[in-house]
């Protein structure tokens, strides 16, 4: 069955990859290990945003760009970018002192656009009948309605591969099937440390 994969990059990272040695993840290998062989991967769309380097981690953007370069070696994969916003705002203290300031300035960062982009691509591809099976790699409950539309209104198969320990019941309520992304699969789905593309040879970041 023709299978299209839609990957929520930030959701996958923060729920399954952050603080692990598995960030150098080959998404095609991961999906093939989880899905049955009757699913033929025809497209993988990776939804993310370009991060902004911070003083505490000036190499963050460079590491991300290296990983995106690794993903680009997969011939069926395309990347759709949202935006990554960083603003300074004033927030109330959880335990303000009796005397002195009751608020503090904090840096608020948020990724914008990926959930809307995933929903848009999923529904558009469903209407165009570009897949027999759609698989979302996410645990974001905001995507429950587009999953419902595709399964109940269009009668197509939608699966969820969820990162993290617990699935979102709201998201998975309308899915045709639901499967976890286990640590063993992540470990078995790593790119080689050294890769080559049309620009030359590059390597997995030494510190990540």
C-alpha atoms as a PDB file:
ATOM      1  CA  UNK A   1       0.000   0.000   0.000  1.00  0.00           C
ATOM      2  CA  UNK A   2       1.275   3.463  -0.898  1.00  0.00           C
ATOM      3  CA  UNK A   3       2.180   5.103   2.391  1.00  0.00           C
ATOM      4  CA  UNK A   4       2.901   8.784   3.074  1.00  0.00           C
ATOM      5  CA  UNK A   5       4.579   9.791   6.334  1.00  0.00           C
ATOM      6  CA  UNK A   6       4.031  13.169   8.027  1.00  0.00           C
ATOM      7  CA  UNK A   7       6.577  13.923  10.763  1.00  0.00           C
ATOM      8  CA  UNK A   8       6.046  16.580  13.419  1.00  0.00           C
ATOM      9  CA  UNK A   9       9.729  17.347  13.936  1.00  0.00           C
ATOM     10  CA  UNK A  10       9.566  19.286  17.195  1.00  0.00           C
ATOM     11  CA  UNK A  11       7.033  16.923  18.757  1.00  0.00           C
ATOM     12  CA  UNK A  12       9.226  13.949  17.906  1.00  0.00           C
ATOM     13  CA  UNK A  13      12.339  15.694  19.210  1.00  0.00           C
ATOM     14  CA  UNK A  14      10.995  16.833  22.563  1.00  0.00           C
ATOM     15  CA  UNK A  15       9.020  13.663  23.321  1.00  0.00           C
ATOM     16  CA  UNK A  16      11.447  10.993  22.146  1.00  0.00           C
ATOM     17  CA  UNK A  17      14.893  12.324  21.179  1.00  0.00           C
ATOM     18  CA  UNK A  18      15.924  15.148  23.516  1.00  0.00           C
ATOM     19  CA  UNK A  19      18.536  14.042  26.066  1.00  0.00           C
ATOM     20  CA  UNK A  20      19.081  10.748  24.215  1.00  0.00           C
ATOM     21  CA  UNK A  21      21.871   9.529  21.886  1.00  0.00           C
ATOM     22  CA  UNK A  22      19.341   8.901  19.095  1.00  0.00           C
ATOM     23  CA  UNK A  23      19.003  12.342  17.485  1.00  0.00           C
ATOM     24  CA  UNK A  24      20.814  11.236  14.286  1.00  0.00           C
ATOM     25  CA  UNK A  25      17.593   9.508  13.283  1.00  0.00           C
ATOM     26  CA  UNK A  26      16.900   8.008   9.866  1.00  0.00           C
ATOM     27  CA  UNK A  27      13.139   8.503   9.588  1.00  0.00           C
ATOM     28  CA  UNK A  28      12.731   6.085   6.684  1.00  0.00           C
ATOM     29  CA  UNK A  29      14.420   3.270   8.586  1.00  0.00           C
ATOM     30  CA  UNK A  30      12.347   4.004  11.688  1.00  0.00           C
ATOM     31  CA  UNK A  31       9.068   3.845   9.785  1.00  0.00           C
ATOM     32  CA  UNK A  32      10.040   0.653   7.947  1.00  0.00           C
ATOM     33  CA  UNK A  33      10.881  -1.035  11.257  1.00  0.00           C
ATOM     34  CA  UNK A  34       7.526  -0.119  12.804  1.00  0.00           C
ATOM     35  CA  UNK A  35       5.201  -0.580   9.827  1.00  0.00           C
ATOM     36  CA  UNK A  36       4.508  -3.942   8.140  1.00  0.00           C
ATOM     37  CA  UNK A  37       6.232  -4.724   4.826  1.00  0.00           C
ATOM     38  CA  UNK A  38       2.946  -4.238   2.968  1.00  0.00           C
ATOM     39  CA  UNK A  39       3.400  -0.485   3.496  1.00  0.00           C
ATOM     40  CA  UNK A  40       5.535   0.963   0.699  1.00  0.00           C
ATOM     41  CA  UNK A  41       6.927   4.355   1.667  1.00  0.00           C
ATOM     42  CA  UNK A  42       6.302   6.761  -1.184  1.00  0.00           C
ATOM     43  CA  UNK A  43       6.887  10.093   0.601  1.00  0.00           C
ATOM     44  CA  UNK A  44       8.093  11.436   3.931  1.00  0.00           C
ATOM     45  CA  UNK A  45       7.358  15.062   4.790  1.00  0.00           C
ATOM     46  CA  UNK A  46       9.256  16.508   7.741  1.00  0.00           C
ATOM     47  CA  UNK A  47       7.710  19.570   9.371  1.00  0.00           C
ATOM     48  CA  UNK A  48      10.004  21.787  11.409  1.00  0.00           C
ATOM     49  CA  UNK A  49      11.307  25.332  11.856  1.00  0.00           C
ATOM     50  CA  UNK A  50      14.806  26.747  11.841  1.00  0.00           C
ATOM     51  CA  UNK A  51      15.976  27.221  15.418  1.00  0.00           C
ATOM     52  CA  UNK A  52      17.726  30.366  16.577  1.00  0.00           C
ATOM     53  CA  UNK A  53      21.114  29.999  18.305  1.00  0.00           C
ATOM     54  CA  UNK A  54      21.338  31.165  21.908  1.00  0.00           C
ATOM     55  CA  UNK A  55      24.284  32.382  23.922  1.00  0.00           C
ATOM     56  CA  UNK A  56      24.157  29.222  26.036  1.00  0.00           C
ATOM     57  CA  UNK A  57      24.184  27.006  22.915  1.00  0.00           C
ATOM     58  CA  UNK A  58      25.591  28.865  19.898  1.00  0.00           C
ATOM     59  CA  UNK A  59      25.955  25.649  17.825  1.00  0.00           C
ATOM     60  CA  UNK A  60      22.285  24.693  18.049  1.00  0.00           C
ATOM     61  CA  UNK A  61      21.371  25.985  14.599  1.00  0.00           C
ATOM     62  CA  UNK A  62      24.476  24.411  13.051  1.00  0.00           C
ATOM     63  CA  UNK A  63      23.586  20.996  14.470  1.00  0.00           C
ATOM     64  CA  UNK A  64      20.046  21.291  13.195  1.00  0.00           C
ATOM     65  CA  UNK A  65      21.252  22.246   9.726  1.00  0.00           C
ATOM     66  CA  UNK A  66      23.580  19.225   9.691  1.00  0.00           C
ATOM     67  CA  UNK A  67      20.657  16.954  10.587  1.00  0.00           C
ATOM     68  CA  UNK A  68      18.478  18.494   7.882  1.00  0.00           C
ATOM     69  CA  UNK A  69      21.306  17.813   5.451  1.00  0.00           C
ATOM     70  CA  UNK A  70      21.290  14.174   6.576  1.00  0.00           C
ATOM     71  CA  UNK A  71      17.532  13.938   6.042  1.00  0.00           C
ATOM     72  CA  UNK A  72      17.955  15.404   2.566  1.00  0.00           C
ATOM     73  CA  UNK A  73      19.962  12.307   1.574  1.00  0.00           C
ATOM     74  CA  UNK A  74      16.670  10.374   1.708  1.00  0.00           C
ATOM     75  CA  UNK A  75      15.286  10.623  -1.848  1.00  0.00           C
ATOM     76  CA  UNK A  76      11.609  10.453  -0.825  1.00  0.00           C
ATOM     77  CA  UNK A  77      11.877  13.103   1.907  1.00  0.00           C
ATOM     78  CA  UNK A  78      10.884  16.762   1.704  1.00  0.00           C
ATOM     79  CA  UNK A  79      11.020  19.444   4.415  1.00  0.00           C
ATOM     80  CA  UNK A  80       8.304  22.017   5.148  1.00  0.00           C
ATOM     81  CA  UNK A  81       9.315  24.933   7.368  1.00  0.00           C
ATOM     82  CA  UNK A  82       7.206  26.805   9.860  1.00  0.00           C
ATOM     83  CA  UNK A  83       8.662  29.596  11.982  1.00  0.00           C
ATOM     84  CA  UNK A  84      10.459  29.699  15.299  1.00  0.00           C
ATOM     85  CA  UNK A  85       9.720  32.777  17.381  1.00  0.00           C
ATOM     86  CA  UNK A  86      11.712  34.055  20.326  1.00  0.00           C
ATOM     87  CA  UNK A  87      10.445  37.029  22.325  1.00  0.00           C
ATOM     88  CA  UNK A  88      11.202  38.627  25.681  1.00  0.00           C
ATOM     89  CA  UNK A  89       8.126  38.942  27.848  1.00  0.00           C
ATOM     90  CA  UNK A  90       7.391  39.756  31.471  1.00  0.00           C
ATOM     91  CA  UNK A  91       5.809  36.980  33.535  1.00  0.00           C
ATOM     92  CA  UNK A  92       4.560  36.838  37.128  1.00  0.00           C
ATOM     93  CA  UNK A  93       6.687  34.938  39.652  1.00  0.00           C
ATOM     94  CA  UNK A  94       5.168  31.719  40.989  1.00  0.00           C
ATOM     95  CA  UNK A  95       6.284  32.669  44.503  1.00  0.00           C
ATOM     96  CA  UNK A  96       6.720  36.450  44.609  1.00  0.00           C
ATOM     97  CA  UNK A  97       8.586  37.963  47.551  1.00  0.00           C
ATOM     98  CA  UNK A  98       6.774  40.061  50.112  1.00  0.00           C
ATOM     99  CA  UNK A  99       8.847  42.998  48.984  1.00  0.00           C
ATOM    100  CA  UNK A 100      10.459  43.558  45.621  1.00  0.00           C
ATOM    101  CA  UNK A 101       9.506  42.742  42.016  1.00  0.00           C
ATOM    102  CA  UNK A 102       6.584  40.382  41.473  1.00  0.00           C
ATOM    103  CA  UNK A 103       7.425  39.754  37.805  1.00  0.00           C
ATOM    104  CA  UNK A 104      10.497  38.768  35.839  1.00  0.00           C
ATOM    105  CA  UNK A 105      11.551  39.018  32.193  1.00  0.00           C
ATOM    106  CA  UNK A 106      11.863  35.682  30.414  1.00  0.00           C
ATOM    107  CA  UNK A 107      12.715  34.545  26.907  1.00  0.00           C
ATOM    108  CA  UNK A 108       9.721  32.757  25.410  1.00  0.00           C
ATOM    109  CA  UNK A 109      10.311  30.537  22.407  1.00  0.00           C
ATOM    110  CA  UNK A 110       7.638  28.790  20.391  1.00  0.00           C
ATOM    111  CA  UNK A 111       7.388  26.976  17.109  1.00  0.00           C
ATOM    112  CA  UNK A 112       4.576  28.183  14.890  1.00  0.00           C
ATOM    113  CA  UNK A 113       2.936  26.639  11.881  1.00  0.00           C
ATOM    114  CA  UNK A 114       3.825  22.953  11.892  1.00  0.00           C
ATOM    115  CA  UNK A 115       0.447  21.664  13.082  1.00  0.00           C
ATOM    116  CA  UNK A 116      -1.367  23.761  10.476  1.00  0.00           C
ATOM    117  CA  UNK A 117       1.097  22.676   7.794  1.00  0.00           C
ATOM    118  CA  UNK A 118       0.690  18.987   8.679  1.00  0.00           C
ATOM    119  CA  UNK A 119      -3.099  19.253   8.626  1.00  0.00           C
ATOM    120  CA  UNK A 120      -3.058  21.096   5.298  1.00  0.00           C
ATOM    121  CA  UNK A 121      -0.740  18.608   3.580  1.00  0.00           C
ATOM    122  CA  UNK A 122      -2.568  15.597   5.006  1.00  0.00           C
ATOM    123  CA  UNK A 123      -6.002  16.737   3.822  1.00  0.00           C
ATOM    124  CA  UNK A 124      -4.721  17.965   0.451  1.00  0.00           C
ATOM    125  CA  UNK A 125      -2.928  14.676  -0.235  1.00  0.00           C
ATOM    126  CA  UNK A 126      -6.009  12.730   0.885  1.00  0.00           C
ATOM    127  CA  UNK A 127      -8.253  14.597  -1.539  1.00  0.00           C
ATOM    128  CA  UNK A 128      -5.744  14.000  -4.321  1.00  0.00           C
ATOM    129  CA  UNK A 129      -5.608  10.289  -3.371  1.00  0.00           C
ATOM    130  CA  UNK A 130      -1.841  10.392  -3.133  1.00  0.00           C
ATOM    131  CA  UNK A 131      -1.754   7.590  -0.569  1.00  0.00           C
ATOM    132  CA  UNK A 132      -3.500   4.434   0.526  1.00  0.00           C
ATOM    133  CA  UNK A 133      -2.204   4.910   4.063  1.00  0.00           C
ATOM    134  CA  UNK A 134      -1.158   8.105   5.846  1.00  0.00           C
ATOM    135  CA  UNK A 135       1.016   7.885   8.951  1.00  0.00           C
ATOM    136  CA  UNK A 136       1.491  10.802  11.335  1.00  0.00           C
ATOM    137  CA  UNK A 137       4.551  10.810  13.593  1.00  0.00           C
ATOM    138  CA  UNK A 138       3.263  13.012  16.404  1.00  0.00           C
ATOM    139  CA  UNK A 139       1.462  13.108  19.721  1.00  0.00           C
ATOM    140  CA  UNK A 140      -0.184  16.497  19.125  1.00  0.00           C
ATOM    141  CA  UNK A 141      -3.896  16.440  19.983  1.00  0.00           C
ATOM    142  CA  UNK A 142      -4.460  19.507  17.768  1.00  0.00           C
ATOM    143  CA  UNK A 143      -4.296  17.135  14.781  1.00  0.00           C
ATOM    144  CA  UNK A 144      -7.282  15.061  15.893  1.00  0.00           C
ATOM    145  CA  UNK A 145      -9.776  16.851  13.627  1.00  0.00           C
ATOM    146  CA  UNK A 146      -7.809  16.470  10.369  1.00  0.00           C
ATOM    147  CA  UNK A 147      -7.301  12.790  11.224  1.00  0.00           C
ATOM    148  CA  UNK A 148     -11.059  12.446  11.750  1.00  0.00           C
ATOM    149  CA  UNK A 149     -11.816  14.132   8.432  1.00  0.00           C
ATOM    150  CA  UNK A 150      -9.523  11.807   6.512  1.00  0.00           C
ATOM    151  CA  UNK A 151     -10.667   8.589   8.200  1.00  0.00           C
ATOM    152  CA  UNK A 152     -14.399   9.254   8.635  1.00  0.00           C
ATOM    153  CA  UNK A 153     -15.232  11.630   5.797  1.00  0.00           C
ATOM    154  CA  UNK A 154     -12.835  10.358   3.131  1.00  0.00           C
ATOM    155  CA  UNK A 155     -12.641   6.737   4.267  1.00  0.00           C
ATOM    156  CA  UNK A 156      -8.857   6.484   4.149  1.00  0.00           C
ATOM    157  CA  UNK A 157      -6.435   4.804   6.546  1.00  0.00           C
ATOM    158  CA  UNK A 158      -4.501   7.017   8.965  1.00  0.00           C
ATOM    159  CA  UNK A 159      -2.046   5.622  11.488  1.00  0.00           C
ATOM    160  CA  UNK A 160      -0.292   7.330  14.385  1.00  0.00           C
ATOM    161  CA  UNK A 161       3.271   6.590  15.473  1.00  0.00           C
ATOM    162  CA  UNK A 162       3.460   8.377  18.788  1.00  0.00           C
ATOM    163  CA  UNK A 163       6.660   9.495  20.506  1.00  0.00           C
ATOM    164  CA  UNK A 164       6.835   9.504  24.283  1.00  0.00           C
ATOM    165  CA  UNK A 165       5.530   7.233  26.983  1.00  0.00           C
ATOM    166  CA  UNK A 166       1.828   7.963  26.585  1.00  0.00           C
ATOM    167  CA  UNK A 167      -0.368   8.437  23.549  1.00  0.00           C
ATOM    168  CA  UNK A 168      -2.755  11.352  23.169  1.00  0.00           C
ATOM    169  CA  UNK A 169      -6.196   9.767  23.463  1.00  0.00           C
ATOM    170  CA  UNK A 170      -7.733  12.784  21.735  1.00  0.00           C
ATOM    171  CA  UNK A 171      -5.453  12.382  18.715  1.00  0.00           C
ATOM    172  CA  UNK A 172      -5.640   8.590  18.542  1.00  0.00           C
ATOM    173  CA  UNK A 173      -9.433   8.384  18.897  1.00  0.00           C
ATOM    174  CA  UNK A 174      -9.952   8.648  15.141  1.00  0.00           C
ATOM    175  CA  UNK A 175      -6.830   6.822  13.937  1.00  0.00           C
ATOM    176  CA  UNK A 176      -7.068   3.510  12.105  1.00  0.00           C
ATOM    177  CA  UNK A 177      -4.082   2.172  14.042  1.00  0.00           C
ATOM    178  CA  UNK A 178      -1.723   3.455  16.735  1.00  0.00           C
ATOM    179  CA  UNK A 179       1.819   2.296  17.480  1.00  0.00           C
ATOM    180  CA  UNK A 180       4.498   3.541  19.888  1.00  0.00           C
ATOM    181  CA  UNK A 181       8.000   4.570  18.858  1.00  0.00           C
ATOM    182  CA  UNK A 182      10.147   2.449  21.164  1.00  0.00           C
ATOM    183  CA  UNK A 183      13.716   3.122  22.212  1.00  0.00           C
ATOM    184  CA  UNK A 184      14.978  -0.034  20.507  1.00  0.00           C
ATOM    185  CA  UNK A 185      13.616   1.174  17.168  1.00  0.00           C
ATOM    186  CA  UNK A 186      15.281   4.574  17.616  1.00  0.00           C
ATOM    187  CA  UNK A 187      18.594   2.881  18.389  1.00  0.00           C
ATOM    188  CA  UNK A 188      18.302   0.686  15.280  1.00  0.00           C
ATOM    189  CA  UNK A 189      17.382   3.622  13.012  1.00  0.00           C
ATOM    190  CA  UNK A 190      20.476   5.801  13.150  1.00  0.00           C
ATOM    191  CA  UNK A 191      22.242   7.234  10.112  1.00  0.00           C
ATOM    192  CA  UNK A 192      25.894   6.218   9.648  1.00  0.00           C
ATOM    193  CA  UNK A 193      28.234   8.698  11.402  1.00  0.00           C
ATOM    194  CA  UNK A 194      29.527   9.856   8.006  1.00  0.00           C
ATOM    195  CA  UNK A 195      27.314  10.716   5.031  1.00  0.00           C
ATOM    196  CA  UNK A 196      27.908  12.016   1.531  1.00  0.00           C
ATOM    197  CA  UNK A 197      25.709  14.236  -0.617  1.00  0.00           C
ATOM    198  CA  UNK A 198      26.238  16.342  -3.736  1.00  0.00           C
ATOM    199  CA  UNK A 199      28.187  18.898  -1.680  1.00  0.00           C
ATOM    200  CA  UNK A 200      30.632  16.404  -0.221  1.00  0.00           C
ATOM    201  CA  UNK A 201      31.133  14.421   2.959  1.00  0.00           C
ATOM    202  CA  UNK A 202      29.780  15.474   6.348  1.00  0.00           C
ATOM    203  CA  UNK A 203      29.580  13.985   9.816  1.00  0.00           C
ATOM    204  CA  UNK A 204      27.242  13.541  12.730  1.00  0.00           C
ATOM    205  CA  UNK A 205      27.768  16.409  15.234  1.00  0.00           C
ATOM    206  CA  UNK A 206      30.316  15.324  17.836  1.00  0.00           C
ATOM    207  CA  UNK A 207      28.412  17.017  20.653  1.00  0.00           C
ATOM    208  CA  UNK A 208      24.642  17.010  20.600  1.00  0.00           C
END
